[in-house]
PDB file of N, CA and C in Angstrom:
ATOM      1  N   MET A   1      -9.825 -41.414 -18.431  1.00  0.00           N
ATOM      2  CA  MET A   1     -10.680 -40.671 -17.519  1.00  0.00           C
ATOM      3  C   MET A   1      -9.866 -40.032 -16.395  1.00  0.00           C
ATOM      4  N   LYS A   2      -8.877 -40.775 -15.864  1.00  0.00           N
ATOM      5  CA  LYS A   2      -8.037 -40.251 -14.795  1.00  0.00           C
ATOM      6  C   LYS A   2      -7.233 -39.048 -15.279  1.00  0.00           C
ATOM      7  N   LYS A   3      -6.757 -39.123 -16.554  1.00  0.00           N
ATOM      8  CA  LYS A   3      -5.974 -38.012 -17.090  1.00  0.00           C
ATOM      9  C   LYS A   3      -6.833 -36.753 -17.199  1.00  0.00           C
ATOM     10  N   ILE A   4      -8.084 -36.905 -17.590  1.00  0.00           N
ATOM     11  CA  ILE A   4      -8.993 -35.761 -17.716  1.00  0.00           C
ATOM     12  C   ILE A   4      -9.261 -35.173 -16.336  1.00  0.00           C
ATOM     13  N   ALA A   5      -9.479 -36.019 -15.350  1.00  0.00           N
ATOM     14  CA  ALA A   5      -9.742 -35.548 -13.993  1.00  0.00           C
ATOM     15  C   ALA A   5      -8.525 -34.790 -13.451  1.00  0.00           C
ATOM     16  N   LEU A   6      -7.328 -35.337 -13.655  1.00  0.00           N
ATOM     17  CA  LEU A   6      -6.113 -34.657 -13.198  1.00  0.00           C
ATOM     18  C   LEU A   6      -5.921 -33.331 -13.929  1.00  0.00           C
ATOM     19  N   LEU A   7      -6.211 -33.303 -15.216  1.00  0.00           N
ATOM     20  CA  LEU A   7      -6.103 -32.072 -15.991  1.00  0.00           C
ATOM     21  C   LEU A   7      -7.071 -31.025 -15.451  1.00  0.00           C
ATOM     22  N   MET A   8      -8.304 -31.437 -15.139  1.00  0.00           N
ATOM     23  CA  MET A   8      -9.308 -30.513 -14.609  1.00  0.00           C
ATOM     24  C   MET A   8      -8.874 -29.966 -13.245  1.00  0.00           C
ATOM     25  N   VAL A   9      -8.338 -30.812 -12.387  1.00  0.00           N
ATOM     26  CA  VAL A   9      -7.852 -30.370 -11.081  1.00  0.00           C
ATOM     27  C   VAL A   9      -6.722 -29.364 -11.273  1.00  0.00           C
ATOM     28  N   GLY A  10      -5.819 -29.652 -12.193  1.00  0.00           N
ATOM     29  CA  GLY A  10      -4.711 -28.739 -12.484  1.00  0.00           C
ATOM     30  C   GLY A  10      -5.198 -27.393 -12.979  1.00  0.00           C
ATOM     31  N   ILE A  11      -6.178 -27.392 -13.867  1.00  0.00           N
ATOM     32  CA  ILE A  11      -6.740 -26.146 -14.401  1.00  0.00           C
ATOM     33  C   ILE A  11      -7.414 -25.364 -13.283  1.00  0.00           C
ATOM     34  N   MET A  12      -8.183 -26.047 -12.438  1.00  0.00           N
ATOM     35  CA  MET A  12      -8.864 -25.357 -11.335  1.00  0.00           C
ATOM     36  C   MET A  12      -7.852 -24.731 -10.375  1.00  0.00           C
ATOM     37  N   LEU A  13      -6.759 -25.415 -10.129  1.00  0.00           N
ATOM     38  CA  LEU A  13      -5.723 -24.893  -9.242  1.00  0.00           C
ATOM     39  C   LEU A  13      -5.094 -23.635  -9.833  1.00  0.00           C
ATOM     40  N   VAL A  14      -4.774 -23.660 -11.112  1.00  0.00           N
ATOM     41  CA  VAL A  14      -4.190 -22.489 -11.778  1.00  0.00           C
ATOM     42  C   VAL A  14      -5.165 -21.313 -11.734  1.00  0.00           C
ATOM     43  N   VAL A  15      -6.439 -21.567 -11.993  1.00  0.00           N
ATOM     44  CA  VAL A  15      -7.449 -20.508 -11.956  1.00  0.00           C
ATOM     45  C   VAL A  15      -7.565 -19.949 -10.543  1.00  0.00           C
ATOM     46  N   ALA A  16      -7.586 -20.802  -9.528  1.00  0.00           N
ATOM     47  CA  ALA A  16      -7.707 -20.352  -8.138  1.00  0.00           C
ATOM     48  C   ALA A  16      -6.518 -19.489  -7.741  1.00  0.00           C
ATOM     49  N   VAL A  17      -5.313 -19.886  -8.125  1.00  0.00           N
ATOM     50  CA  VAL A  17      -4.120 -19.111  -7.813  1.00  0.00           C
ATOM     51  C   VAL A  17      -4.168 -17.770  -8.543  1.00  0.00           C
ATOM     52  N   SER A  18      -4.578 -17.777  -9.805  1.00  0.00           N
ATOM     53  CA  SER A  18      -4.662 -16.527 -10.570  1.00  0.00           C
ATOM     54  C   SER A  18      -5.663 -15.566  -9.956  1.00  0.00           C
ATOM     55  N   VAL A  19      -6.827 -16.066  -9.534  1.00  0.00           N
ATOM     56  CA  VAL A  19      -7.842 -15.212  -8.906  1.00  0.00           C
ATOM     57  C   VAL A  19      -7.303 -14.665  -7.595  1.00  0.00           C
ATOM     58  N   ALA A  20      -6.639 -15.489  -6.799  1.00  0.00           N
ATOM     59  CA  ALA A  20      -6.086 -15.042  -5.516  1.00  0.00           C
ATOM     60  C   ALA A  20      -5.037 -13.952  -5.736  1.00  0.00           C
ATOM     61  N   GLU A  21      -4.193 -14.112  -6.760  1.00  0.00           N
ATOM     62  CA  GLU A  21      -3.171 -13.115  -7.031  1.00  0.00           C
ATOM     63  C   GLU A  21      -3.785 -11.800  -7.501  1.00  0.00           C
ATOM     64  N   GLN A  22      -4.909 -11.864  -8.209  1.00  0.00           N
ATOM     65  CA  GLN A  22      -5.564 -10.659  -8.703  1.00  0.00           C
ATOM     66  C   GLN A  22      -6.276  -9.911  -7.586  1.00  0.00           C
ATOM     67  N   ASN A  23      -6.643 -10.574  -6.505  1.00  0.00           N
ATOM     68  CA  ASN A  23      -7.423  -9.973  -5.427  1.00  0.00           C
ATOM     69  C   ASN A  23      -6.515  -9.460  -4.309  1.00  0.00           C
ATOM     70  N   LYS A  24      -5.524  -8.681  -4.669  1.00  0.00           N
ATOM     71  CA  LYS A  24      -4.591  -8.174  -3.677  1.00  0.00           C
ATOM     72  C   LYS A  24      -4.941  -6.774  -3.210  1.00  0.00           C
ATOM     73  N   GLY A  25      -5.989  -6.200  -3.736  1.00  0.00           N
ATOM     74  CA  GLY A  25      -6.370  -4.850  -3.328  1.00  0.00           C
ATOM     75  C   GLY A  25      -5.547  -3.802  -4.044  1.00  0.00           C
ATOM     76  N   ALA A  26      -5.871  -2.554  -3.760  1.00  0.00           N
ATOM     77  CA  ALA A  26      -5.178  -1.427  -4.382  1.00  0.00           C
ATOM     78  C   ALA A  26      -3.749  -1.328  -3.878  1.00  0.00           C
ATOM     79  N   GLU A  27      -2.869  -0.801  -4.712  1.00  0.00           N
ATOM     80  CA  GLU A  27      -1.477  -0.605  -4.285  1.00  0.00           C
ATOM     81  C   GLU A  27      -1.396   0.425  -3.176  1.00  0.00           C
ATOM     82  N   ASP A  28      -2.141   1.498  -3.317  1.00  0.00           N
ATOM     83  CA  ASP A  28      -2.170   2.561  -2.322  1.00  0.00           C
ATOM     84  C   ASP A  28      -3.621   2.839  -1.950  1.00  0.00           C
ATOM     85  N   MET A  29      -3.854   3.122  -0.687  1.00  0.00           N
ATOM     86  CA  MET A  29      -5.205   3.381  -0.184  1.00  0.00           C
ATOM     87  C   MET A  29      -5.180   4.618   0.700  1.00  0.00           C
ATOM     88  N   GLU A  30      -6.359   5.112   1.015  1.00  0.00           N
ATOM     89  CA  GLU A  30      -6.481   6.170   2.000  1.00  0.00           C
ATOM     90  C   GLU A  30      -7.498   5.686   3.027  1.00  0.00           C
ATOM     91  N   LEU A  31      -7.069   5.575   4.260  1.00  0.00           N
ATOM     92  CA  LEU A  31      -7.925   5.096   5.335  1.00  0.00           C
ATOM     93  C   LEU A  31      -8.531   6.270   6.084  1.00  0.00           C
ATOM     94  N   PHE A  32      -9.761   6.106   6.541  1.00  0.00           N
ATOM     95  CA  PHE A  32     -10.418   7.138   7.323  1.00  0.00           C
ATOM     96  C   PHE A  32      -9.655   7.310   8.625  1.00  0.00           C
ATOM     97  N   GLY A  33      -9.318   8.546   8.963  1.00  0.00           N
ATOM     98  CA  GLY A  33      -8.530   8.800  10.161  1.00  0.00           C
ATOM     99  C   GLY A  33      -9.180   9.728  11.157  1.00  0.00           C
ATOM    100  N   GLY A  34     -10.480   9.980  10.998  1.00  0.00           N
ATOM    101  CA  GLY A  34     -11.189  10.823  11.958  1.00  0.00           C
ATOM    102  C   GLY A  34     -10.714  12.263  11.935  1.00  0.00           C
ATOM    103  N   LYS A  35     -10.791  12.906  13.096  1.00  0.00           N
ATOM    104  CA  LYS A  35     -10.448  14.333  13.227  1.00  0.00           C
ATOM    105  C   LYS A  35      -8.978  14.611  12.944  1.00  0.00           C
ATOM    106  N   GLN A  36      -8.150  13.625  13.118  1.00  0.00           N
ATOM    107  CA  GLN A  36      -6.708  13.812  12.900  1.00  0.00           C
ATOM    108  C   GLN A  36      -6.332  13.848  11.422  1.00  0.00           C
ATOM    109  N   GLY A  37      -7.259  13.484  10.550  1.00  0.00           N
ATOM    110  CA  GLY A  37      -6.989  13.461   9.111  1.00  0.00           C
ATOM    111  C   GLY A  37      -6.815  12.037   8.619  1.00  0.00           C
ATOM    112  N   ASN A  38      -7.096  11.851   7.347  1.00  0.00           N
ATOM    113  CA  ASN A  38      -6.997  10.514   6.756  1.00  0.00           C
ATOM    114  C   ASN A  38      -5.551  10.038   6.696  1.00  0.00           C
ATOM    115  N   ILE A  39      -5.405   8.743   6.449  1.00  0.00           N
ATOM    116  CA  ILE A  39      -4.102   8.101   6.477  1.00  0.00           C
ATOM    117  C   ILE A  39      -3.793   7.520   5.105  1.00  0.00           C
ATOM    118  N   PRO A  40      -2.802   8.092   4.408  1.00  0.00           N
ATOM    119  CA  PRO A  40      -2.364   7.463   3.164  1.00  0.00           C
ATOM    120  C   PRO A  40      -1.712   6.135   3.532  1.00  0.00           C
ATOM    121  N   PHE A  41      -2.167   5.061   2.921  1.00  0.00           N
ATOM    122  CA  PHE A  41      -1.688   3.733   3.311  1.00  0.00           C
ATOM    123  C   PHE A  41      -1.040   3.036   2.122  1.00  0.00           C
ATOM    124  N   PRO A  42       0.280   2.851   2.156  1.00  0.00           N
ATOM    125  CA  PRO A  42       0.982   2.170   1.072  1.00  0.00           C
ATOM    126  C   PRO A  42       0.783   0.647   1.176  1.00  0.00           C
ATOM    127  N   HIS A  43      -0.342   0.184   0.718  1.00  0.00           N
ATOM    128  CA  HIS A  43      -0.737  -1.225   0.826  1.00  0.00           C
ATOM    129  C   HIS A  43       0.315  -2.142   0.212  1.00  0.00           C
ATOM    130  N   HIS A  44       0.826  -1.780  -0.954  1.00  0.00           N
ATOM    131  CA  HIS A  44       1.797  -2.637  -1.650  1.00  0.00           C
ATOM    132  C   HIS A  44       3.081  -2.822  -0.840  1.00  0.00           C
ATOM    133  N   ILE A  45       3.503  -1.817  -0.112  1.00  0.00           N
ATOM    134  CA  ILE A  45       4.718  -1.936   0.711  1.00  0.00           C
ATOM    135  C   ILE A  45       4.475  -2.940   1.844  1.00  0.00           C
ATOM    136  N   HIS A  46       3.291  -2.876   2.450  1.00  0.00           N
ATOM    137  CA  HIS A  46       2.956  -3.807   3.528  1.00  0.00           C
ATOM    138  C   HIS A  46       2.829  -5.231   2.997  1.00  0.00           C
ATOM    139  N   GLN A  47       2.268  -5.382   1.804  1.00  0.00           N
ATOM    140  CA  GLN A  47       2.162  -6.719   1.212  1.00  0.00           C
ATOM    141  C   GLN A  47       3.536  -7.331   0.990  1.00  0.00           C
ATOM    142  N   LYS A  48       4.461  -6.533   0.480  1.00  0.00           N
ATOM    143  CA  LYS A  48       5.810  -7.042   0.217  1.00  0.00           C
ATOM    144  C   LYS A  48       6.555  -7.351   1.514  1.00  0.00           C
ATOM    145  N   ALA A  49       6.391  -6.498   2.514  1.00  0.00           N
ATOM    146  CA  ALA A  49       7.117  -6.680   3.775  1.00  0.00           C
ATOM    147  C   ALA A  49       6.550  -7.824   4.613  1.00  0.00           C
ATOM    148  N   LEU A  50       5.225  -7.913   4.685  1.00  0.00           N
ATOM    149  CA  LEU A  50       4.597  -8.897   5.565  1.00  0.00           C
ATOM    150  C   LEU A  50       4.348 -10.237   4.890  1.00  0.00           C
ATOM    151  N   LYS A  51       4.062 -10.214   3.609  1.00  0.00           N
ATOM    152  CA  LYS A  51       3.823 -11.396   2.775  1.00  0.00           C
ATOM    153  C   LYS A  51       2.567 -12.195   3.138  1.00  0.00           C
ATOM    154  N   ASP A  52       2.099 -12.121   4.360  1.00  0.00           N
ATOM    155  CA  ASP A  52       0.928 -12.881   4.798  1.00  0.00           C
ATOM    156  C   ASP A  52      -0.225 -11.922   5.077  1.00  0.00           C
ATOM    157  N   CYS A  53      -1.231 -11.930   4.214  1.00  0.00           N
ATOM    158  CA  CYS A  53      -2.382 -11.016   4.346  1.00  0.00           C
ATOM    159  C   CYS A  53      -3.108 -11.194   5.684  1.00  0.00           C
ATOM    160  N   LYS A  54      -3.065 -12.398   6.223  1.00  0.00           N
ATOM    161  CA  LYS A  54      -3.792 -12.689   7.466  1.00  0.00           C
ATOM    162  C   LYS A  54      -3.235 -11.926   8.666  1.00  0.00           C
ATOM    163  N   ILE A  55      -2.011 -11.427   8.571  1.00  0.00           N
ATOM    164  CA  ILE A  55      -1.456 -10.657   9.681  1.00  0.00           C
ATOM    165  C   ILE A  55      -2.392  -9.502  10.000  1.00  0.00           C
ATOM    166  N   CYS A  56      -2.920  -8.846   8.982  1.00  0.00           N
ATOM    167  CA  CYS A  56      -3.874  -7.754   9.184  1.00  0.00           C
ATOM    168  C   CYS A  56      -5.317  -8.217   8.986  1.00  0.00           C
ATOM    169  N   HIS A  57      -5.531  -8.968   7.914  1.00  0.00           N
ATOM    170  CA  HIS A  57      -6.901  -9.292   7.536  1.00  0.00           C
ATOM    171  C   HIS A  57      -7.514 -10.432   8.338  1.00  0.00           C
ATOM    172  N   ASP A  58      -6.833 -10.897   9.356  1.00  0.00           N
ATOM    173  CA  ASP A  58      -7.438 -11.816  10.303  1.00  0.00           C
ATOM    174  C   ASP A  58      -8.304 -11.017  11.282  1.00  0.00           C
ATOM    175  N   VAL A  59      -7.974  -9.729  11.438  1.00  0.00           N
ATOM    176  CA  VAL A  59      -8.683  -8.839  12.352  1.00  0.00           C
ATOM    177  C   VAL A  59      -9.870  -8.169  11.662  1.00  0.00           C
ATOM    178  N   PHE A  60      -9.728  -7.846  10.379  1.00  0.00           N
ATOM    179  CA  PHE A  60     -10.803  -7.219   9.603  1.00  0.00           C
ATOM    180  C   PHE A  60     -10.745  -7.755   8.180  1.00  0.00           C
ATOM    181  N   SER A  61     -11.891  -7.751   7.508  1.00  0.00           N
ATOM    182  CA  SER A  61     -11.950  -8.330   6.164  1.00  0.00           C
ATOM    183  C   SER A  61     -11.281  -7.428   5.143  1.00  0.00           C
ATOM    184  N   GLN A  62     -11.108  -7.945   3.945  1.00  0.00           N
ATOM    185  CA  GLN A  62     -10.473  -7.205   2.864  1.00  0.00           C
ATOM    186  C   GLN A  62     -11.455  -6.282   2.146  1.00  0.00           C
ATOM    187  N   ALA A  63     -12.689  -6.249   2.558  1.00  0.00           N
ATOM    188  CA  ALA A  63     -13.696  -5.402   1.906  1.00  0.00           C
ATOM    189  C   ALA A  63     -13.453  -3.931   2.244  1.00  0.00           C
ATOM    190  N   PRO A  64     -13.565  -3.053   1.252  1.00  0.00           N
ATOM    191  CA  PRO A  64     -13.423  -1.621   1.530  1.00  0.00           C
ATOM    192  C   PRO A  64     -14.416  -1.172   2.609  1.00  0.00           C
ATOM    193  N   GLY A  65     -13.956  -0.372   3.551  1.00  0.00           N
ATOM    194  CA  GLY A  65     -14.817   0.132   4.616  1.00  0.00           C
ATOM    195  C   GLY A  65     -15.057  -0.838   5.751  1.00  0.00           C
ATOM    196  N   SER A  66     -14.382  -1.974   5.744  1.00  0.00           N
ATOM    197  CA  SER A  66     -14.640  -3.004   6.765  1.00  0.00           C
ATOM    198  C   SER A  66     -14.277  -2.543   8.173  1.00  0.00           C
ATOM    199  N   ILE A  67     -13.223  -1.752   8.307  1.00  0.00           N
ATOM    200  CA  ILE A  67     -12.821  -1.278   9.639  1.00  0.00           C
ATOM    201  C   ILE A  67     -13.898  -0.365  10.213  1.00  0.00           C
ATOM    202  N   GLU A  68     -14.360   0.578   9.407  1.00  0.00           N
ATOM    203  CA  GLU A  68     -15.395   1.505   9.875  1.00  0.00           C
ATOM    204  C   GLU A  68     -16.701   0.772  10.164  1.00  0.00           C
ATOM    205  N   LYS A  69     -17.003  -0.248   9.375  1.00  0.00           N
ATOM    206  CA  LYS A  69     -18.220  -1.035   9.597  1.00  0.00           C
ATOM    207  C   LYS A  69     -18.146  -1.762  10.943  1.00  0.00           C
ATOM    208  N   LEU A  70     -17.016  -2.370  11.233  1.00  0.00           N
ATOM    209  CA  LEU A  70     -16.849  -3.074  12.509  1.00  0.00           C
ATOM    210  C   LEU A  70     -16.945  -2.113  13.690  1.00  0.00           C
ATOM    211  N   LYS A  71     -16.406  -0.918  13.538  1.00  0.00           N
ATOM    212  CA  LYS A  71     -16.511   0.088  14.600  1.00  0.00           C
ATOM    213  C   LYS A  71     -17.968   0.490  14.814  1.00  0.00           C
ATOM    214  N   ALA A  72     -18.689   0.721  13.719  1.00  0.00           N
ATOM    215  CA  ALA A  72     -20.099   1.121  13.809  1.00  0.00           C
ATOM    216  C   ALA A  72     -20.948   0.034  14.460  1.00  0.00           C
ATOM    217  N   GLU A  73     -20.582  -1.230  14.245  1.00  0.00           N
ATOM    218  CA  GLU A  73     -21.308  -2.361  14.831  1.00  0.00           C
ATOM    219  C   GLU A  73     -20.878  -2.634  16.272  1.00  0.00           C
ATOM    220  N   GLY A  74     -19.898  -1.888  16.769  1.00  0.00           N
ATOM    221  CA  GLY A  74     -19.405  -2.093  18.134  1.00  0.00           C
ATOM    222  C   GLY A  74     -18.510  -3.316  18.274  1.00  0.00           C
ATOM    223  N   LYS A  75     -18.017  -3.854  17.149  1.00  0.00           N
ATOM    224  CA  LYS A  75     -17.175  -5.046  17.182  1.00  0.00           C
ATOM    225  C   LYS A  75     -15.679  -4.700  17.204  1.00  0.00           C
ATOM    226  N   MET A  76     -15.385  -3.403  17.097  1.00  0.00           N
ATOM    227  CA  MET A  76     -14.005  -2.954  17.107  1.00  0.00           C
ATOM    228  C   MET A  76     -13.953  -1.581  17.778  1.00  0.00           C
ATOM    229  N   ARG A  77     -12.935  -1.357  18.607  1.00  0.00           N
ATOM    230  CA  ARG A  77     -12.779  -0.063  19.263  1.00  0.00           C
ATOM    231  C   ARG A  77     -12.207   0.965  18.295  1.00  0.00           C
ATOM    232  N   LYS A  78     -12.377   2.229  18.631  1.00  0.00           N
ATOM    233  CA  LYS A  78     -12.025   3.347  17.761  1.00  0.00           C
ATOM    234  C   LYS A  78     -10.600   3.274  17.194  1.00  0.00           C
ATOM    235  N   LYS A  79      -9.601   3.110  18.014  1.00  0.00           N
ATOM    236  CA  LYS A  79      -8.211   3.126  17.546  1.00  0.00           C
ATOM    237  C   LYS A  79      -7.571   1.742  17.574  1.00  0.00           C
ATOM    238  N   GLN A  80      -8.379   0.721  17.615  1.00  0.00           N
ATOM    239  CA  GLN A  80      -7.890  -0.646  17.781  1.00  0.00           C
ATOM    240  C   GLN A  80      -6.895  -1.058  16.696  1.00  0.00           C
ATOM    241  N   VAL A  81      -7.232  -0.829  15.446  1.00  0.00           N
ATOM    242  CA  VAL A  81      -6.344  -1.266  14.367  1.00  0.00           C
ATOM    243  C   VAL A  81      -5.039  -0.487  14.402  1.00  0.00           C
ATOM    244  N   MET A  82      -5.139   0.814  14.502  1.00  0.00           N
ATOM    245  CA  MET A  82      -3.920   1.627  14.467  1.00  0.00           C
ATOM    246  C   MET A  82      -3.004   1.345  15.659  1.00  0.00           C
ATOM    247  N   ASN A  83      -3.564   1.256  16.859  1.00  0.00           N
ATOM    248  CA  ASN A  83      -2.731   1.048  18.051  1.00  0.00           C
ATOM    249  C   ASN A  83      -2.286  -0.400  18.225  1.00  0.00           C
ATOM    250  N   LYS A  84      -3.201  -1.332  18.043  1.00  0.00           N
ATOM    251  CA  LYS A  84      -2.887  -2.745  18.306  1.00  0.00           C
ATOM    252  C   LYS A  84      -2.204  -3.421  17.121  1.00  0.00           C
ATOM    253  N   GLN A  85      -2.450  -2.939  15.911  1.00  0.00           N
ATOM    254  CA  GLN A  85      -1.871  -3.575  14.731  1.00  0.00           C
ATOM    255  C   GLN A  85      -0.701  -2.748  14.201  1.00  0.00           C
ATOM    256  N   CYS A  86      -1.022  -1.585  13.681  1.00  0.00           N
ATOM    257  CA  CYS A  86      -0.030  -0.774  12.958  1.00  0.00           C
ATOM    258  C   CYS A  86       1.127  -0.321  13.833  1.00  0.00           C
ATOM    259  N   ILE A  87       0.822   0.479  14.832  1.00  0.00           N
ATOM    260  CA  ILE A  87       1.881   1.056  15.658  1.00  0.00           C
ATOM    261  C   ILE A  87       2.634  -0.035  16.422  1.00  0.00           C
ATOM    262  N   ALA A  88       1.922  -1.034  16.923  1.00  0.00           N
ATOM    263  CA  ALA A  88       2.597  -2.122  17.637  1.00  0.00           C
ATOM    264  C   ALA A  88       3.581  -2.854  16.722  1.00  0.00           C
ATOM    265  N   CYS A  89       3.171  -3.098  15.490  1.00  0.00           N
ATOM    266  CA  CYS A  89       4.050  -3.769  14.521  1.00  0.00           C
ATOM    267  C   CYS A  89       5.253  -2.892  14.205  1.00  0.00           C
ATOM    268  N   HIS A  90       5.009  -1.622  13.930  1.00  0.00           N
ATOM    269  CA  HIS A  90       6.106  -0.703  13.623  1.00  0.00           C
ATOM    270  C   HIS A  90       7.094  -0.605  14.787  1.00  0.00           C
ATOM    271  N   LYS A  91       6.587  -0.492  16.015  1.00  0.00           N
ATOM    272  CA  LYS A  91       7.470  -0.397  17.190  1.00  0.00           C
ATOM    273  C   LYS A  91       8.270  -1.684  17.385  1.00  0.00           C
ATOM    274  N   GLY A  92       7.626  -2.822  17.143  1.00  0.00           N
ATOM    275  CA  GLY A  92       8.332  -4.101  17.257  1.00  0.00           C
ATOM    276  C   GLY A  92       9.471  -4.210  16.254  1.00  0.00           C
ATOM    277  N   LYS A  93       9.211  -3.780  15.031  1.00  0.00           N
ATOM    278  CA  LYS A  93      10.265  -3.809  14.009  1.00  0.00           C
ATOM    279  C   LYS A  93      11.379  -2.824  14.342  1.00  0.00           C
ATOM    280  N   LYS A  94      10.997  -1.653  14.864  1.00  0.00           N
ATOM    281  CA  LYS A  94      11.999  -0.652  15.250  1.00  0.00           C
ATOM    282  C   LYS A  94      12.890  -1.204  16.358  1.00  0.00           C
ATOM    283  N   LYS A  95      12.278  -1.851  17.345  1.00  0.00           N
ATOM    284  CA  LYS A  95      13.026  -2.437  18.464  1.00  0.00           C
ATOM    285  C   LYS A  95      13.991  -3.520  17.971  1.00  0.00           C
ATOM    286  N   ALA A  96      13.547  -4.252  16.934  1.00  0.00           N
ATOM    287  CA  ALA A  96      14.394  -5.302  16.357  1.00  0.00           C
ATOM    288  C   ALA A  96      15.409  -4.735  15.361  1.00  0.00           C
ATOM    289  N   LYS A  97      15.427  -3.398  15.255  1.00  0.00           N
ATOM    290  CA  LYS A  97      16.341  -2.689  14.351  1.00  0.00           C
ATOM    291  C   LYS A  97      16.091  -3.043  12.883  1.00  0.00           C
ATOM    292  N   GLU A  98      14.821  -3.289  12.563  1.00  0.00           N
ATOM    293  CA  GLU A  98      14.423  -3.558  11.182  1.00  0.00           C
ATOM    294  C   GLU A  98      13.816  -2.297  10.585  1.00  0.00           C
ATOM    295  N   LYS A  99      13.825  -2.218   9.274  1.00  0.00           N
ATOM    296  CA  LYS A  99      13.199  -1.089   8.588  1.00  0.00           C
ATOM    297  C   LYS A  99      11.704  -1.110   8.901  1.00  0.00           C
ATOM    298  N   THR A 100      11.149   0.058   9.213  1.00  0.00           N
ATOM    299  CA  THR A 100       9.750   0.113   9.606  1.00  0.00           C
ATOM    300  C   THR A 100       9.129   1.446   9.221  1.00  0.00           C
ATOM    301  N   GLY A 101       7.859   1.558   9.483  1.00  0.00           N
ATOM    302  CA  GLY A 101       7.124   2.793   9.227  1.00  0.00           C
ATOM    303  C   GLY A 101       7.047   3.641  10.481  1.00  0.00           C
ATOM    304  N   PRO A 102       6.268   4.713  10.414  1.00  0.00           N
ATOM    305  CA  PRO A 102       6.140   5.647  11.534  1.00  0.00           C
ATOM    306  C   PRO A 102       5.596   4.985  12.796  1.00  0.00           C
ATOM    307  N   THR A 103       5.979   5.560  13.939  1.00  0.00           N
ATOM    308  CA  THR A 103       5.497   5.035  15.223  1.00  0.00           C
ATOM    309  C   THR A 103       4.704   6.071  16.005  1.00  0.00           C
ATOM    310  N   SER A 104       4.434   7.206  15.396  1.00  0.00           N
ATOM    311  CA  SER A 104       3.600   8.211  16.069  1.00  0.00           C
ATOM    312  C   SER A 104       2.432   8.593  15.168  1.00  0.00           C
ATOM    313  N   CYS A 105       1.340   8.976  15.785  1.00  0.00           N
ATOM    314  CA  CYS A 105       0.103   9.285  15.058  1.00  0.00           C
ATOM    315  C   CYS A 105       0.297  10.356  13.988  1.00  0.00           C
ATOM    316  N   SER A 106       0.978  11.430  14.345  1.00  0.00           N
ATOM    317  CA  SER A 106       1.113  12.575  13.441  1.00  0.00           C
ATOM    318  C   SER A 106       1.919  12.258  12.186  1.00  0.00           C
ATOM    319  N   LYS A 107       2.683  11.190  12.202  1.00  0.00           N
ATOM    320  CA  LYS A 107       3.471  10.825  11.028  1.00  0.00           C
ATOM    321  C   LYS A 107       2.620  10.160   9.943  1.00  0.00           C
ATOM    322  N   CYS A 108       1.449   9.653  10.302  1.00  0.00           N
ATOM    323  CA  CYS A 108       0.569   8.984   9.327  1.00  0.00           C
ATOM    324  C   CYS A 108      -0.629   9.830   8.957  1.00  0.00           C
ATOM    325  N   HIS A 109      -1.282  10.406   9.964  1.00  0.00           N
ATOM    326  CA  HIS A 109      -2.501  11.199   9.714  1.00  0.00           C
ATOM    327  C   HIS A 109      -2.131  12.478   8.961  1.00  0.00           C
ATOM    328  N   LYS A 110      -2.866  12.756   7.896  1.00  0.00           N
ATOM    329  CA  LYS A 110      -2.625  13.952   7.092  1.00  0.00           C
ATOM    330  C   LYS A 110      -3.905  14.777   7.007  1.00  0.00           C
ATOM    331  N   LYS A 111      -3.897  15.940   7.658  1.00  0.00           N
ATOM    332  CA  LYS A 111      -5.064  16.819   7.583  1.00  0.00           C
ATOM    333  C   LYS A 111      -5.056  17.512   6.235  1.00  0.00           C
ATOM    334  N   SER A 112      -6.254  17.620   5.634  1.00  0.00           N
ATOM    335  CA  SER A 112      -6.306  18.272   4.321  1.00  0.00           C
ATOM    336  C   SER A 112      -6.477  19.748   4.449  1.00  0.00           C
TER     337      SER A 112
END
């Protein structure tokens, strides 16, 4: 009986890890960027560099449209994610002389 229970726990763990690995989101995304134009977002590059999803997703959920939903509900300010998360992180890495992404708005926003 103990062997069956341990086997079941092992199977559940493997399934949980497999589901978590599958739920990594799209490799590339396009974020709503308002009047300045949308933002092509290389999600896979950030996943590889940061390794911890909670760095970003502690502030907003992994659901598509979650940032805009929080703004509409008044739970997040207009440029909060870009200024407090993205640009701050990029500037910190630049200051530490690490490889980083753009640090100015116009380098990310792309008008169509």
